[in-house]
Amino acid sequence: MAIENKLPVKAVEYLKENFRKEFIFDLKGTRKIEGETFYQVEVSKDGLIHQLTFNQSGQKISEIADDAFPSEEGNAESNPEILD
C-alpha cells in the first residue's frame, strides 16, 4: 500500500509540493491523542532527515530536521578500528 493511501489528502498534497516523491521514506507511525490521530512521516531533502507530524486534517503541526549523515558519528576517520 502506498504512503499516499495512509495519510490525509492535505498531508499528501503538502509532501508533493515540498518533497520529491522518491525522498519520502515511510509513515513512521500514528498516534491517537484525545481522540485525534496524528501521523509521523520521515522525508529526506538537502542532506537532512525531516520528521514531520500531521494531524488528522492533514495540517502539518511540527517538523524537525536532523543531518542525514552526521559528520562525527560513524566517520571512519574518527573511528580507527574501522580502517583497513
Protein backbone atom coordinates (compact mmCIF):
# COMPACT_ATOMS: atom_id res chain seq x y z
CA MET A 1 0.00 0.00 0.00
CA ALA A 2 1.40 3.39 -0.99
CA ILE A 3 2.06 6.01 1.66
CA GLU A 4 -0.48 8.27 -0.08
CA ASN A 5 -3.24 5.84 0.93
CA LYS A 6 -2.23 6.03 4.60
CA LEU A 7 -2.24 9.83 5.04
CA PRO A 8 -4.89 12.56 4.93
CA VAL A 9 -5.23 14.20 1.49
CA LYS A 10 -3.86 17.58 2.66
CA ALA A 11 -0.76 15.91 4.13
CA VAL A 12 -0.11 14.16 0.80
CA GLU A 13 -0.55 17.49 -1.02
CA TYR A 14 1.95 19.17 1.33
CA LEU A 15 4.52 16.40 0.78
CA LYS A 16 4.11 16.52 -3.01
CA GLU A 17 4.56 20.31 -3.01
CA ASN A 18 7.62 20.32 -0.76
CA PHE A 19 9.42 17.00 -1.35
CA ARG A 20 10.13 14.77 -4.33
CA LYS A 21 8.20 11.51 -4.13
CA GLU A 22 11.30 9.29 -4.08
CA PHE A 23 12.52 11.07 -0.94
CA ILE A 24 9.56 10.01 1.19
CA PHE A 25 10.83 7.25 3.42
CA ASP A 26 7.84 5.96 5.27
CA LEU A 27 4.95 6.59 7.53
CA LYS A 28 6.78 6.05 10.82
CA GLY A 29 3.69 5.78 12.94
CA THR A 30 0.34 7.06 14.01
CA ARG A 31 -0.72 8.18 17.46
CA LYS A 32 -4.09 8.93 18.97
CA ILE A 33 -4.20 11.74 21.48
CA GLU A 34 -7.53 12.75 22.98
CA GLY A 35 -9.37 11.08 20.09
CA GLU A 36 -7.36 12.77 17.31
CA THR A 37 -4.99 10.81 15.06
CA PHE A 38 -1.50 12.15 14.31
CA TYR A 39 0.75 10.88 11.51
CA GLN A 40 4.55 10.87 11.68
CA VAL A 41 6.48 10.82 8.39
CA GLU A 42 10.22 10.86 7.66
CA VAL A 43 11.46 12.52 4.47
CA SER A 44 14.96 13.24 3.13
CA LYS A 45 15.87 16.53 1.44
CA ASP A 46 19.10 18.50 1.04
CA GLY A 47 21.11 16.18 3.30
CA LEU A 48 18.57 16.38 6.12
CA ILE A 49 16.07 13.91 7.53
CA HIS A 50 12.80 15.75 8.16
CA GLN A 51 10.46 14.31 10.76
CA LEU A 52 7.02 15.73 10.10
CA THR A 53 3.84 15.35 12.11
CA PHE A 54 0.40 15.91 10.59
CA ASN A 55 -2.98 15.95 12.30
CA GLN A 56 -5.99 14.02 11.01
CA SER A 57 -6.99 17.00 8.85
CA GLY A 58 -3.60 16.84 7.12
CA GLN A 59 -2.26 20.05 8.63
CA LYS A 60 1.48 19.97 9.43
CA ILE A 61 1.85 20.60 13.14
CA SER A 62 5.58 20.02 13.57
CA GLU A 63 8.81 19.48 11.67
CA ILE A 64 12.23 18.55 12.99
CA ALA A 65 15.26 18.28 10.68
CA ASP A 66 18.46 16.38 11.52
CA ASP A 67 21.61 15.75 9.48
CA ALA A 68 21.23 12.63 7.35
CA PHE A 69 24.96 11.98 7.61
CA PRO A 70 26.34 13.35 10.89
CA SER A 71 29.98 14.30 10.42
CA GLU A 72 31.32 12.81 13.67
CA GLU A 73 29.27 9.65 14.23
CA GLY A 74 30.17 6.69 12.07
CA ASN A 75 33.05 8.51 10.40
CA ALA A 76 35.88 6.05 9.59
CA GLU A 77 38.49 8.75 10.25
CA SER A 78 37.22 9.29 13.79
CA ASN A 79 36.81 5.55 14.36
CA PRO A 80 40.24 3.98 13.60
CA GLU A 81 39.18 0.36 14.16
CA ILE A 82 37.03 0.59 11.01
CA LEU A 83 40.04 1.42 8.82
CA ASP A 84 41.66 -1.37 6.76
